PDB file of N, CA and C in Angstrom:
ATOM      1  N   UNK A   1      75.408  55.214  68.661  1.00  0.00           N
ATOM      2  CA  UNK A   1      76.426  56.213  68.879  1.00  0.00           C
ATOM      3  C   UNK A   1      76.842  56.131  70.359  1.00  0.00           C
ATOM      4  N   UNK A   2      78.127  56.185  70.614  1.00  0.00           N
ATOM      5  CA  UNK A   2      78.627  56.092  71.991  1.00  0.00           C
ATOM      6  C   UNK A   2      78.547  57.440  72.679  1.00  0.00           C
ATOM      7  N   UNK A   3      78.775  57.449  73.988  1.00  0.00           N
ATOM      8  CA  UNK A   3      78.748  58.689  74.761  1.00  0.00           C
ATOM      9  C   UNK A   3      79.783  59.678  74.223  1.00  0.00           C
ATOM     10  N   UNK A   4      80.967  59.171  73.893  1.00  0.00           N
ATOM     11  CA  UNK A   4      82.029  60.030  73.362  1.00  0.00           C
ATOM     12  C   UNK A   4      81.626  60.605  72.008  1.00  0.00           C
ATOM     13  N   UNK A   5      81.075  59.768  71.139  1.00  0.00           N
ATOM     14  CA  UNK A   5      80.640  60.222  69.818  1.00  0.00           C
ATOM     15  C   UNK A   5      79.524  61.257  69.932  1.00  0.00           C
ATOM     16  N   UNK A   6      78.557  61.003  70.825  1.00  0.00           N
ATOM     17  CA  UNK A   6      77.456  61.957  71.025  1.00  0.00           C
ATOM     18  C   UNK A   6      77.988  63.283  71.545  1.00  0.00           C
ATOM     19  N   UNK A   7      78.930  63.224  72.467  1.00  0.00           N
ATOM     20  CA  UNK A   7      79.514  64.442  73.029  1.00  0.00           C
ATOM     21  C   UNK A   7      80.214  65.254  71.949  1.00  0.00           C
ATOM     22  N   UNK A   8      81.015  64.602  71.147  1.00  0.00           N
ATOM     23  CA  UNK A   8      81.775  65.295  70.100  1.00  0.00           C
ATOM     24  C   UNK A   8      80.870  65.790  68.976  1.00  0.00           C
ATOM     25  N   UNK A   9      79.973  64.936  68.524  1.00  0.00           N
ATOM     26  CA  UNK A   9      79.131  65.281  67.373  1.00  0.00           C
ATOM     27  C   UNK A   9      78.160  66.415  67.670  1.00  0.00           C
ATOM     28  N   UNK A  10      77.560  66.382  68.863  1.00  0.00           N
ATOM     29  CA  UNK A  10      76.530  67.365  69.194  1.00  0.00           C
ATOM     30  C   UNK A  10      77.002  68.422  70.179  1.00  0.00           C
ATOM     31  N   UNK A  11      78.300  68.383  70.507  1.00  0.00           N
ATOM     32  CA  UNK A  11      78.891  69.380  71.413  1.00  0.00           C
ATOM     33  C   UNK A  11      78.165  69.402  72.768  1.00  0.00           C
ATOM     34  N   UNK A  12      77.879  68.202  73.278  1.00  0.00           N
ATOM     35  CA  UNK A  12      77.229  68.067  74.575  1.00  0.00           C
ATOM     36  C   UNK A  12      78.301  67.650  75.576  1.00  0.00           C
ATOM     37  N   UNK A  13      78.480  68.422  76.631  1.00  0.00           N
ATOM     38  CA  UNK A  13      79.496  68.046  77.622  1.00  0.00           C
ATOM     39  C   UNK A  13      79.238  66.646  78.186  1.00  0.00           C
ATOM     40  N   UNK A  14      80.314  65.917  78.423  1.00  0.00           N
ATOM     41  CA  UNK A  14      80.192  64.562  78.960  1.00  0.00           C
ATOM     42  C   UNK A  14      79.445  64.542  80.294  1.00  0.00           C
ATOM     43  N   UNK A  15      79.597  65.605  81.090  1.00  0.00           N
ATOM     44  CA  UNK A  15      78.910  65.651  82.383  1.00  0.00           C
ATOM     45  C   UNK A  15      77.396  65.591  82.187  1.00  0.00           C
ATOM     46  N   UNK A  16      76.909  66.291  81.153  1.00  0.00           N
ATOM     47  CA  UNK A  16      75.469  66.301  80.865  1.00  0.00           C
ATOM     48  C   UNK A  16      75.021  64.911  80.450  1.00  0.00           C
ATOM     49  N   UNK A  17      75.803  64.255  79.611  1.00  0.00           N
ATOM     50  CA  UNK A  17      75.450  62.910  79.164  1.00  0.00           C
ATOM     51  C   UNK A  17      75.449  61.930  80.333  1.00  0.00           C
ATOM     52  N   UNK A  18      76.428  62.035  81.192  1.00  0.00           N
ATOM     53  CA  UNK A  18      76.478  61.143  82.359  1.00  0.00           C
ATOM     54  C   UNK A  18      75.313  61.426  83.305  1.00  0.00           C
ATOM     55  N   UNK A  19      74.989  62.690  83.453  1.00  0.00           N
ATOM     56  CA  UNK A  19      73.856  63.073  84.290  1.00  0.00           C
ATOM     57  C   UNK A  19      72.571  62.452  83.719  1.00  0.00           C
ATOM     58  N   UNK A  20      72.385  62.574  82.435  1.00  0.00           N
ATOM     59  CA  UNK A  20      71.220  62.018  81.747  1.00  0.00           C
ATOM     60  C   UNK A  20      71.125  60.515  82.000  1.00  0.00           C
ATOM     61  N   UNK A  21      72.242  59.830  81.848  1.00  0.00           N
ATOM     62  CA  UNK A  21      72.256  58.388  82.075  1.00  0.00           C
ATOM     63  C   UNK A  21      71.916  58.049  83.522  1.00  0.00           C
ATOM     64  N   UNK A  22      72.416  58.840  84.461  1.00  0.00           N
ATOM     65  CA  UNK A  22      72.203  58.551  85.882  1.00  0.00           C
ATOM     66  C   UNK A  22      70.738  58.697  86.288  1.00  0.00           C
ATOM     67  N   UNK A  23      69.969  59.502  85.561  1.00  0.00           N
ATOM     68  CA  UNK A  23      68.562  59.699  85.877  1.00  0.00           C
ATOM     69  C   UNK A  23      67.715  58.490  85.485  1.00  0.00           C
ATOM     70  N   UNK A  24      68.260  57.624  84.655  1.00  0.00           N
ATOM     71  CA  UNK A  24      67.489  56.470  84.200  1.00  0.00           C
ATOM     72  C   UNK A  24      66.384  56.836  83.232  1.00  0.00           C
ATOM     73  N   UNK A  25      66.528  57.953  82.548  1.00  0.00           N
ATOM     74  CA  UNK A  25      65.509  58.410  81.606  1.00  0.00           C
ATOM     75  C   UNK A  25      65.786  57.950  80.181  1.00  0.00           C
ATOM     76  N   UNK A  26      66.874  57.274  80.006  1.00  0.00           N
ATOM     77  CA  UNK A  26      67.286  56.863  78.666  1.00  0.00           C
ATOM     78  C   UNK A  26      66.526  55.607  78.273  1.00  0.00           C
ATOM     79  N   UNK A  27      65.328  55.806  77.785  1.00  0.00           N
ATOM     80  CA  UNK A  27      64.484  54.672  77.450  1.00  0.00           C
ATOM     81  C   UNK A  27      65.131  53.701  76.486  1.00  0.00           C
ATOM     82  N   UNK A  28      65.724  54.198  75.444  1.00  0.00           N
ATOM     83  CA  UNK A  28      66.266  53.299  74.431  1.00  0.00           C
ATOM     84  C   UNK A  28      67.785  53.261  74.424  1.00  0.00           C
ATOM     85  N   UNK A  29      68.403  53.871  75.411  1.00  0.00           N
ATOM     86  CA  UNK A  29      69.861  53.782  75.485  1.00  0.00           C
ATOM     87  C   UNK A  29      70.202  52.371  75.931  1.00  0.00           C
ATOM     88  N   UNK A  30      71.068  51.738  75.192  1.00  0.00           N
ATOM     89  CA  UNK A  30      71.464  50.373  75.523  1.00  0.00           C
ATOM     90  C   UNK A  30      72.954  50.324  75.764  1.00  0.00           C
ATOM     91  N   UNK A  31      73.315  49.491  76.698  1.00  0.00           N
ATOM     92  CA  UNK A  31      74.734  49.321  76.973  1.00  0.00           C
ATOM     93  C   UNK A  31      75.225  48.157  76.101  1.00  0.00           C
ATOM     94  N   UNK A  32      76.135  48.466  75.233  1.00  0.00           N
ATOM     95  CA  UNK A  32      76.682  47.459  74.329  1.00  0.00           C
ATOM     96  C   UNK A  32      78.181  47.418  74.550  1.00  0.00           C
ATOM     97  N   UNK A  33      78.676  46.265  74.916  1.00  0.00           N
ATOM     98  CA  UNK A  33      80.107  46.077  75.166  1.00  0.00           C
ATOM     99  C   UNK A  33      80.640  47.130  76.131  1.00  0.00           C
ATOM    100  N   UNK A  34      79.859  47.415  77.176  1.00  0.00           N
ATOM    101  CA  UNK A  34      80.310  48.347  78.198  1.00  0.00           C
ATOM    102  C   UNK A  34      80.159  49.814  77.826  1.00  0.00           C
ATOM    103  N   UNK A  35      79.555  50.109  76.678  1.00  0.00           N
ATOM    104  CA  UNK A  35      79.408  51.500  76.240  1.00  0.00           C
ATOM    105  C   UNK A  35      77.944  51.790  75.964  1.00  0.00           C
ATOM    106  N   UNK A  36      77.495  52.990  76.337  1.00  0.00           N
ATOM    107  CA  UNK A  36      76.117  53.396  76.073  1.00  0.00           C
ATOM    108  C   UNK A  36      75.956  53.702  74.595  1.00  0.00           C
ATOM    109  N   UNK A  37      74.796  53.366  74.072  1.00  0.00           N
ATOM    110  CA  UNK A  37      74.462  53.661  72.680  1.00  0.00           C
ATOM    111  C   UNK A  37      73.252  54.586  72.655  1.00  0.00           C
ATOM    112  N   UNK A  38      73.354  55.707  71.956  1.00  0.00           N
ATOM    113  CA  UNK A  38      72.281  56.694  71.866  1.00  0.00           C
ATOM    114  C   UNK A  38      71.593  56.596  70.523  1.00  0.00           C
ATOM    115  N   UNK A  39      70.256  56.787  70.526  1.00  0.00           N
ATOM    116  CA  UNK A  39      69.523  56.841  69.266  1.00  0.00           C
ATOM    117  C   UNK A  39      69.010  58.268  69.065  1.00  0.00           C
ATOM    118  N   UNK A  40      68.261  58.484  67.986  1.00  0.00           N
ATOM    119  CA  UNK A  40      67.783  59.823  67.652  1.00  0.00           C
ATOM    120  C   UNK A  40      66.885  60.418  68.741  1.00  0.00           C
ATOM    121  N   UNK A  41      66.057  59.576  69.354  1.00  0.00           N
ATOM    122  CA  UNK A  41      65.171  60.063  70.413  1.00  0.00           C
ATOM    123  C   UNK A  41      65.980  60.559  71.615  1.00  0.00           C
ATOM    124  N   UNK A  42      67.042  59.852  71.940  1.00  0.00           N
ATOM    125  CA  UNK A  42      67.907  60.299  73.034  1.00  0.00           C
ATOM    126  C   UNK A  42      68.550  61.640  72.710  1.00  0.00           C
ATOM    127  N   UNK A  43      68.958  61.808  71.473  1.00  0.00           N
ATOM    128  CA  UNK A  43      69.588  63.060  71.058  1.00  0.00           C
ATOM    129  C   UNK A  43      68.582  64.203  71.163  1.00  0.00           C
ATOM    130  N   UNK A  44      67.332  63.957  70.788  1.00  0.00           N
ATOM    131  CA  UNK A  44      66.292  64.989  70.930  1.00  0.00           C
ATOM    132  C   UNK A  44      66.101  65.362  72.402  1.00  0.00           C
ATOM    133  N   UNK A  45      66.071  64.363  73.260  1.00  0.00           N
ATOM    134  CA  UNK A  45      65.930  64.627  74.698  1.00  0.00           C
ATOM    135  C   UNK A  45      67.131  65.399  75.222  1.00  0.00           C
ATOM    136  N   UNK A  46      68.304  65.017  74.769  1.00  0.00           N
ATOM    137  CA  UNK A  46      69.515  65.718  75.205  1.00  0.00           C
ATOM    138  C   UNK A  46      69.505  67.168  74.738  1.00  0.00           C
ATOM    139  N   UNK A  47      68.951  67.410  73.561  1.00  0.00           N
ATOM    140  CA  UNK A  47      68.826  68.780  73.069  1.00  0.00           C
ATOM    141  C   UNK A  47      67.927  69.586  74.001  1.00  0.00           C
ATOM    142  N   UNK A  48      66.830  68.974  74.453  1.00  0.00           N
ATOM    143  CA  UNK A  48      65.937  69.658  75.382  1.00  0.00           C
ATOM    144  C   UNK A  48      66.663  69.911  76.714  1.00  0.00           C
ATOM    145  N   UNK A  49      67.436  68.949  77.164  1.00  0.00           N
ATOM    146  CA  UNK A  49      68.194  69.104  78.410  1.00  0.00           C
ATOM    147  C   UNK A  49      69.172  70.267  78.291  1.00  0.00           C
ATOM    148  N   UNK A  50      69.853  70.350  77.165  1.00  0.00           N
ATOM    149  CA  UNK A  50      70.795  71.451  76.945  1.00  0.00           C
ATOM    150  C   UNK A  50      70.057  72.791  76.961  1.00  0.00           C
ATOM    151  N   UNK A  51      68.882  72.832  76.334  1.00  0.00           N
ATOM    152  CA  UNK A  51      68.088  74.061  76.322  1.00  0.00           C
ATOM    153  C   UNK A  51      67.698  74.449  77.738  1.00  0.00           C
ATOM    154  N   UNK A  52      67.251  73.480  78.534  1.00  0.00           N
ATOM    155  CA  UNK A  52      66.859  73.764  79.912  1.00  0.00           C
ATOM    156  C   UNK A  52      68.035  74.293  80.725  1.00  0.00           C
ATOM    157  N   UNK A  53      69.209  73.698  80.539  1.00  0.00           N
ATOM    158  CA  UNK A  53      70.407  74.206  81.208  1.00  0.00           C
ATOM    159  C   UNK A  53      70.711  75.629  80.739  1.00  0.00           C
ATOM    160  N   UNK A  54      70.618  75.852  79.438  1.00  0.00           N
ATOM    161  CA  UNK A  54      70.929  77.166  78.865  1.00  0.00           C
ATOM    162  C   UNK A  54      70.003  78.266  79.377  1.00  0.00           C
ATOM    163  N   UNK A  55      68.742  77.928  79.659  1.00  0.00           N
ATOM    164  CA  UNK A  55      67.809  78.958  80.130  1.00  0.00           C
ATOM    165  C   UNK A  55      67.867  79.161  81.638  1.00  0.00           C
ATOM    166  N   UNK A  56      68.752  78.411  82.300  1.00  0.00           N
ATOM    167  CA  UNK A  56      68.981  78.673  83.721  1.00  0.00           C
ATOM    168  C   UNK A  56      68.497  77.619  84.693  1.00  0.00           C
ATOM    169  N   UNK A  57      67.948  76.525  84.219  1.00  0.00           N
ATOM    170  CA  UNK A  57      67.546  75.464  85.127  1.00  0.00           C
ATOM    171  C   UNK A  57      68.788  74.815  85.728  1.00  0.00           C
ATOM    172  N   UNK A  58      68.730  74.482  87.023  1.00  0.00           N
ATOM    173  CA  UNK A  58      69.819  73.703  87.605  1.00  0.00           C
ATOM    174  C   UNK A  58      69.537  72.224  87.339  1.00  0.00           C
ATOM    175  N   UNK A  59      70.477  71.372  87.696  1.00  0.00           N
ATOM    176  CA  UNK A  59      70.362  69.947  87.366  1.00  0.00           C
ATOM    177  C   UNK A  59      69.108  69.302  87.934  1.00  0.00           C
ATOM    178  N   UNK A  60      68.755  69.650  89.165  1.00  0.00           N
ATOM    179  CA  UNK A  60      67.566  69.020  89.759  1.00  0.00           C
ATOM    180  C   UNK A  60      66.296  69.483  89.043  1.00  0.00           C
ATOM    181  N   UNK A  61      66.261  70.730  88.609  1.00  0.00           N
ATOM    182  CA  UNK A  61      65.100  71.230  87.864  1.00  0.00           C
ATOM    183  C   UNK A  61      65.005  70.571  86.490  1.00  0.00           C
ATOM    184  N   UNK A  62      66.165  70.372  85.855  1.00  0.00           N
ATOM    185  CA  UNK A  62      66.175  69.697  84.552  1.00  0.00           C
ATOM    186  C   UNK A  62      65.648  68.279  84.712  1.00  0.00           C
ATOM    187  N   UNK A  63      66.119  67.590  85.740  1.00  0.00           N
ATOM    188  CA  UNK A  63      65.662  66.222  85.959  1.00  0.00           C
ATOM    189  C   UNK A  63      64.159  66.189  86.212  1.00  0.00           C
ATOM    190  N   UNK A  64      63.662  67.092  87.056  1.00  0.00           N
ATOM    191  CA  UNK A  64      62.222  67.142  87.344  1.00  0.00           C
ATOM    192  C   UNK A  64      61.423  67.405  86.063  1.00  0.00           C
ATOM    193  N   UNK A  65      61.878  68.387  85.278  1.00  0.00           N
ATOM    194  CA  UNK A  65      61.190  68.723  84.029  1.00  0.00           C
ATOM    195  C   UNK A  65      61.153  67.509  83.096  1.00  0.00           C
ATOM    196  N   UNK A  66      62.293  66.841  82.952  1.00  0.00           N
ATOM    197  CA  UNK A  66      62.368  65.701  82.040  1.00  0.00           C
ATOM    198  C   UNK A  66      61.515  64.537  82.537  1.00  0.00           C
ATOM    199  N   UNK A  67      61.476  64.311  83.832  1.00  0.00           N
ATOM    200  CA  UNK A  67      60.613  63.251  84.367  1.00  0.00           C
ATOM    201  C   UNK A  67      59.143  63.563  84.054  1.00  0.00           C
ATOM    202  N   UNK A  68      58.770  64.821  84.224  1.00  0.00           N
ATOM    203  CA  UNK A  68      57.398  65.225  83.881  1.00  0.00           C
ATOM    204  C   UNK A  68      57.143  65.043  82.391  1.00  0.00           C
ATOM    205  N   UNK A  69      58.088  65.477  81.581  1.00  0.00           N
ATOM    206  CA  UNK A  69      57.958  65.393  80.123  1.00  0.00           C
ATOM    207  C   UNK A  69      57.745  63.950  79.657  1.00  0.00           C
ATOM    208  N   UNK A  70      58.420  63.006  80.300  1.00  0.00           N
ATOM    209  CA  UNK A  70      58.372  61.621  79.864  1.00  0.00           C
ATOM    210  C   UNK A  70      57.239  60.810  80.492  1.00  0.00           C
ATOM    211  N   UNK A  71      56.487  61.421  81.407  1.00  0.00           N
ATOM    212  CA  UNK A  71      55.349  60.711  82.008  1.00  0.00           C
ATOM    213  C   UNK A  71      54.265  60.494  80.968  1.00  0.00           C
ATOM    214  N   UNK A  72      53.497  59.448  81.189  1.00  0.00           N
ATOM    215  CA  UNK A  72      52.399  59.131  80.272  1.00  0.00           C
ATOM    216  C   UNK A  72      51.247  60.129  80.412  1.00  0.00           C
ATOM    217  N   UNK A  73      51.003  60.613  81.636  1.00  0.00           N
ATOM    218  CA  UNK A  73      49.888  61.536  81.847  1.00  0.00           C
ATOM    219  C   UNK A  73      50.270  62.956  81.425  1.00  0.00           C
ATOM    220  N   UNK A  74      49.273  63.809  81.329  1.00  0.00           N
ATOM    221  CA  UNK A  74      49.497  65.188  80.907  1.00  0.00           C
ATOM    222  C   UNK A  74      50.157  65.990  82.027  1.00  0.00           C
ATOM    223  N   UNK A  75      51.320  66.533  81.735  1.00  0.00           N
ATOM    224  CA  UNK A  75      52.060  67.331  82.716  1.00  0.00           C
ATOM    225  C   UNK A  75      52.368  68.719  82.178  1.00  0.00           C
ATOM    226  N   UNK A  76      51.678  69.117  81.134  1.00  0.00           N
ATOM    227  CA  UNK A  76      51.960  70.399  80.483  1.00  0.00           C
ATOM    228  C   UNK A  76      51.841  71.566  81.464  1.00  0.00           C
ATOM    229  N   UNK A  77      50.829  71.536  82.323  1.00  0.00           N
ATOM    230  CA  UNK A  77      50.621  72.634  83.276  1.00  0.00           C
ATOM    231  C   UNK A  77      51.796  72.749  84.248  1.00  0.00           C
ATOM    232  N   UNK A  78      52.280  71.620  84.753  1.00  0.00           N
ATOM    233  CA  UNK A  78      53.416  71.645  85.681  1.00  0.00           C
ATOM    234  C   UNK A  78      54.676  72.151  84.983  1.00  0.00           C
ATOM    235  N   UNK A  79      54.892  71.698  83.762  1.00  0.00           N
ATOM    236  CA  UNK A  79      56.072  72.150  83.025  1.00  0.00           C
ATOM    237  C   UNK A  79      55.971  73.635  82.693  1.00  0.00           C
ATOM    238  N   UNK A  80      54.747  74.089  82.372  1.00  0.00           N
ATOM    239  CA  UNK A  80      54.542  75.509  82.095  1.00  0.00           C
ATOM    240  C   UNK A  80      54.845  76.339  83.342  1.00  0.00           C
ATOM    241  N   UNK A  81      54.434  75.861  84.506  1.00  0.00           N
ATOM    242  CA  UNK A  81      54.722  76.568  85.760  1.00  0.00           C
ATOM    243  C   UNK A  81      56.231  76.677  85.984  1.00  0.00           C
ATOM    244  N   UNK A  82      56.946  75.612  85.698  1.00  0.00           N
ATOM    245  CA  UNK A  82      58.407  75.640  85.848  1.00  0.00           C
ATOM    246  C   UNK A  82      59.019  76.666  84.905  1.00  0.00           C
ATOM    247  N   UNK A  83      58.557  76.683  83.660  1.00  0.00           N
ATOM    248  CA  UNK A  83      59.086  77.634  82.684  1.00  0.00           C
ATOM    249  C   UNK A  83      58.723  79.073  83.061  1.00  0.00           C
ATOM    250  N   UNK A  84      57.505  79.281  83.538  1.00  0.00           N
ATOM    251  CA  UNK A  84      57.089  80.622  83.956  1.00  0.00           C
ATOM    252  C   UNK A  84      57.903  81.107  85.150  1.00  0.00           C
ATOM    253  N   UNK A  85      58.182  80.213  86.080  1.00  0.00           N
ATOM    254  CA  UNK A  85      59.008  80.581  87.236  1.00  0.00           C
ATOM    255  C   UNK A  85      60.410  81.005  86.778  1.00  0.00           C
ATOM    256  N   UNK A  86      61.000  80.232  85.872  1.00  0.00           N
ATOM    257  CA  UNK A  86      62.336  80.575  85.372  1.00  0.00           C
ATOM    258  C   UNK A  86      62.292  81.867  84.564  1.00  0.00           C
ATOM    259  N   UNK A  87      61.224  82.073  83.827  1.00  0.00           N
ATOM    260  CA  UNK A  87      61.070  83.316  83.058  1.00  0.00           C
ATOM    261  C   UNK A  87      61.041  84.520  83.990  1.00  0.00           C
ATOM    262  N   UNK A  88      60.312  84.388  85.102  1.00  0.00           N
ATOM    263  CA  UNK A  88      60.257  85.463  86.088  1.00  0.00           C
ATOM    264  C   UNK A  88      61.626  85.767  86.678  1.00  0.00           C
ATOM    265  N   UNK A  89      62.377  84.724  86.984  1.00  0.00           N
ATOM    266  CA  UNK A  89      63.733  84.904  87.512  1.00  0.00           C
ATOM    267  C   UNK A  89      64.598  85.624  86.488  1.00  0.00           C
ATOM    268  N   UNK A  90      64.485  85.219  85.239  1.00  0.00           N
ATOM    269  CA  UNK A  90      65.276  85.835  84.174  1.00  0.00           C
ATOM    270  C   UNK A  90      64.900  87.304  83.990  1.00  0.00           C
ATOM    271  N   UNK A  91      63.599  87.610  84.034  1.00  0.00           N
ATOM    272  CA  UNK A  91      63.164  89.006  83.916  1.00  0.00           C
ATOM    273  C   UNK A  91      63.684  89.842  85.082  1.00  0.00           C
ATOM    274  N   UNK A  92      63.681  89.297  86.292  1.00  0.00           N
ATOM    275  CA  UNK A  92      64.223  90.006  87.451  1.00  0.00           C
ATOM    276  C   UNK A  92      65.706  90.322  87.241  1.00  0.00           C
ATOM    277  N   UNK A  93      66.440  89.353  86.690  1.00  0.00           N
ATOM    278  CA  UNK A  93      67.869  89.568  86.411  1.00  0.00           C
ATOM    279  C   UNK A  93      68.055  90.660  85.360  1.00  0.00           C
ATOM    280  N   UNK A  94      67.212  90.647  84.332  1.00  0.00           N
ATOM    281  CA  UNK A  94      67.297  91.665  83.278  1.00  0.00           C
ATOM    282  C   UNK A  94      67.045  93.045  83.875  1.00  0.00           C
ATOM    283  N   UNK A  95      66.020  93.170  84.717  1.00  0.00           N
ATOM    284  CA  UNK A  95      65.704  94.469  85.321  1.00  0.00           C
ATOM    285  C   UNK A  95      66.838  94.947  86.219  1.00  0.00           C
ATOM    286  N   UNK A  96      67.449  94.030  86.947  1.00  0.00           N
ATOM    287  CA  UNK A  96      68.601  94.396  87.770  1.00  0.00           C
ATOM    288  C   UNK A  96      69.735  94.916  86.885  1.00  0.00           C
ATOM    289  N   UNK A  97      70.006  94.229  85.798  1.00  0.00           N
ATOM    290  CA  UNK A  97      71.070  94.655  84.875  1.00  0.00           C
ATOM    291  C   UNK A  97      70.744  96.009  84.241  1.00  0.00           C
ATOM    292  N   UNK A  98      69.463  96.239  83.927  1.00  0.00           N
ATOM    293  CA  UNK A  98      69.072  97.534  83.365  1.00  0.00           C
ATOM    294  C   UNK A  98      69.344  98.654  84.362  1.00  0.00           C
ATOM    295  N   UNK A  99      69.047  98.430  85.625  1.00  0.00           N
ATOM    296  CA  UNK A  99      69.329  99.442  86.652  1.00  0.00           C
ATOM    297  C   UNK A  99      70.825  99.678  86.777  1.00  0.00           C
ATOM    298  N   UNK A 100      71.602  98.609  86.693  1.00  0.00           N
ATOM    299  CA  UNK A 100      73.050  98.764  86.746  1.00  0.00           C
ATOM    300  C   UNK A 100      73.554  99.578  85.567  1.00  0.00           C
ATOM    301  N   UNK A 101      73.013  99.325  84.391  1.00  0.00           N
ATOM    302  CA  UNK A 101      73.406 100.095  83.205  1.00  0.00           C
ATOM    303  C   UNK A 101      73.039 101.567  83.347  1.00  0.00           C
ATOM    304  N   UNK A 102      71.846 101.838  83.897  1.00  0.00           N
ATOM    305  CA  UNK A 102      71.437 103.233  84.107  1.00  0.00           C
ATOM    306  C   UNK A 102      72.414 103.939  85.041  1.00  0.00           C
ATOM    307  N   UNK A 103      72.807 103.282  86.096  1.00  0.00           N
ATOM    308  CA  UNK A 103      73.760 103.884  87.046  1.00  0.00           C
ATOM    309  C   UNK A 103      75.121 104.080  86.402  1.00  0.00           C
ATOM    310  N   UNK A 104      75.524 103.106  85.615  1.00  0.00           N
ATOM    311  CA  UNK A 104      76.795 103.213  84.909  1.00  0.00           C
ATOM    312  C   UNK A 104      76.769 104.376  83.923  1.00  0.00           C
ATOM    313  N   UNK A 105      75.668 104.496  83.185  1.00  0.00           N
ATOM    314  CA  UNK A 105      75.532 105.591  82.226  1.00  0.00           C
ATOM    315  C   UNK A 105      75.528 106.944  82.930  1.00  0.00           C
ATOM    316  N   UNK A 106      74.925 107.007  84.105  1.00  0.00           N
ATOM    317  CA  UNK A 106      74.928 108.241  84.872  1.00  0.00           C
ATOM    318  C   UNK A 106      76.358 108.620  85.241  1.00  0.00           C
ATOM    319  N   UNK A 107      77.127 107.663  85.708  1.00  0.00           N
ATOM    320  CA  UNK A 107      78.523 107.944  86.057  1.00  0.00           C
ATOM    321  C   UNK A 107      79.327 108.350  84.825  1.00  0.00           C
ATOM    322  N   UNK A 108      79.078 107.716  83.705  1.00  0.00           N
ATOM    323  CA  UNK A 108      79.758 108.087  82.463  1.00  0.00           C
ATOM    324  C   UNK A 108      79.385 109.509  82.056  1.00  0.00           C
ATOM    325  N   UNK A 109      78.097 109.846  82.203  1.00  0.00           N
ATOM    326  CA  UNK A 109      77.615 111.184  81.901  1.00  0.00           C
ATOM    327  C   UNK A 109      78.334 112.225  82.771  1.00  0.00           C
ATOM    328  N   UNK A 110      78.454 111.918  84.059  1.00  0.00           N
ATOM    329  CA  UNK A 110      79.136 112.841  84.971  1.00  0.00           C
ATOM    330  C   UNK A 110      80.593 113.043  84.558  1.00  0.00           C
ATOM    331  N   UNK A 111      81.250 111.982  84.146  1.00  0.00           N
ATOM    332  CA  UNK A 111      82.647 112.091  83.713  1.00  0.00           C
ATOM    333  C   UNK A 111      82.731 112.934  82.454  1.00  0.00           C
ATOM    334  N   UNK A 112      81.856 112.658  81.487  1.00  0.00           N
ATOM    335  CA  UNK A 112      81.849 113.423  80.240  1.00  0.00           C
ATOM    336  C   UNK A 112      81.598 114.897  80.500  1.00  0.00           C
ATOM    337  N   UNK A 113      80.629 115.214  81.333  1.00  0.00           N
ATOM    338  CA  UNK A 113      80.343 116.606  81.658  1.00  0.00           C
ATOM    339  C   UNK A 113      81.506 117.248  82.380  1.00  0.00           C
ATOM    340  N   UNK A 114      82.176 116.471  83.212  1.00  0.00           N
ATOM    341  CA  UNK A 114      83.353 116.976  83.907  1.00  0.00           C
ATOM    342  C   UNK A 114      84.463 117.333  82.936  1.00  0.00           C
ATOM    343  N   UNK A 115      84.645 116.539  81.909  1.00  0.00           N
ATOM    344  CA  UNK A 115      85.661 116.803  80.886  1.00  0.00           C
ATOM    345  C   UNK A 115      85.328 118.081  80.130  1.00  0.00           C
ATOM    346  N   UNK A 116      84.059 118.221  79.763  1.00  0.00           N
ATOM    347  CA  UNK A 116      83.642 119.403  79.011  1.00  0.00           C
ATOM    348  C   UNK A 116      83.826 120.659  79.850  1.00  0.00           C
ATOM    349  N   UNK A 117      83.491 120.564  81.122  1.00  0.00           N
ATOM    350  CA  UNK A 117      83.669 121.720  82.009  1.00  0.00           C
ATOM    351  C   UNK A 117      85.139 122.075  82.138  1.00  0.00           C
ATOM    352  N   UNK A 118      86.000 121.062  82.261  1.00  0.00           N
ATOM    353  CA  UNK A 118      87.439 121.302  82.378  1.00  0.00           C
ATOM    354  C   UNK A 118      87.986 121.941  81.110  1.00  0.00           C
ATOM    355  N   UNK A 119      87.487 121.505  79.933  1.00  0.00           N
ATOM    356  CA  UNK A 119      87.950 122.063  78.662  1.00  0.00           C
ATOM    357  C   UNK A 119      87.501 123.535  78.549  1.00  0.00           C
ATOM    358  N   UNK A 120      86.308 123.826  78.967  1.00  0.00           N
ATOM    359  CA  UNK A 120      85.818 125.195  78.888  1.00  0.00           C
ATOM    360  C   UNK A 120      86.607 126.104  79.839  1.00  0.00           C
ATOM    361  N   UNK A 121      86.952 125.607  80.988  1.00  0.00           N
ATOM    362  CA  UNK A 121      87.703 126.399  81.957  1.00  0.00           C
ATOM    363  C   UNK A 121      89.116 126.684  81.451  1.00  0.00           C
ATOM    364  N   UNK A 122      89.707 125.732  80.700  1.00  0.00           N
ATOM    365  CA  UNK A 122      91.081 125.920  80.238  1.00  0.00           C
ATOM    366  C   UNK A 122      91.158 126.855  79.039  1.00  0.00           C
ATOM    367  N   UNK A 123      90.053 127.271  78.469  1.00  0.00           N
ATOM    368  CA  UNK A 123      90.073 128.179  77.309  1.00  0.00           C
ATOM    369  C   UNK A 123      90.225 129.586  77.734  1.00  0.00           C
TER     370      UNK A 123
END
């Protein structure tokens, strides 16, 4: 499957595919007639790359994670640390958003109470 076919079939942006190729992690990707050819293993790796991007990893973190993943030695602990770090960042963002929602709800409450007070005064 060519880069264009992989992009269209699996809805993977071409930038991600080019990034993947540039890392040299494509073990079985072969260049045939000037075009890259992807196999099922590459598609599985690309799926993991998309997941890492989706959970908030930047390109350098994705590359580091994938290099660890493809090493022969056990790198589970290092990859777990990376995932835990990103999880912490995500939880911090969630807590910030929750505080923003609380403040927003407070302002909405004040507006609603203001309306009720105005209606009672006009009676």
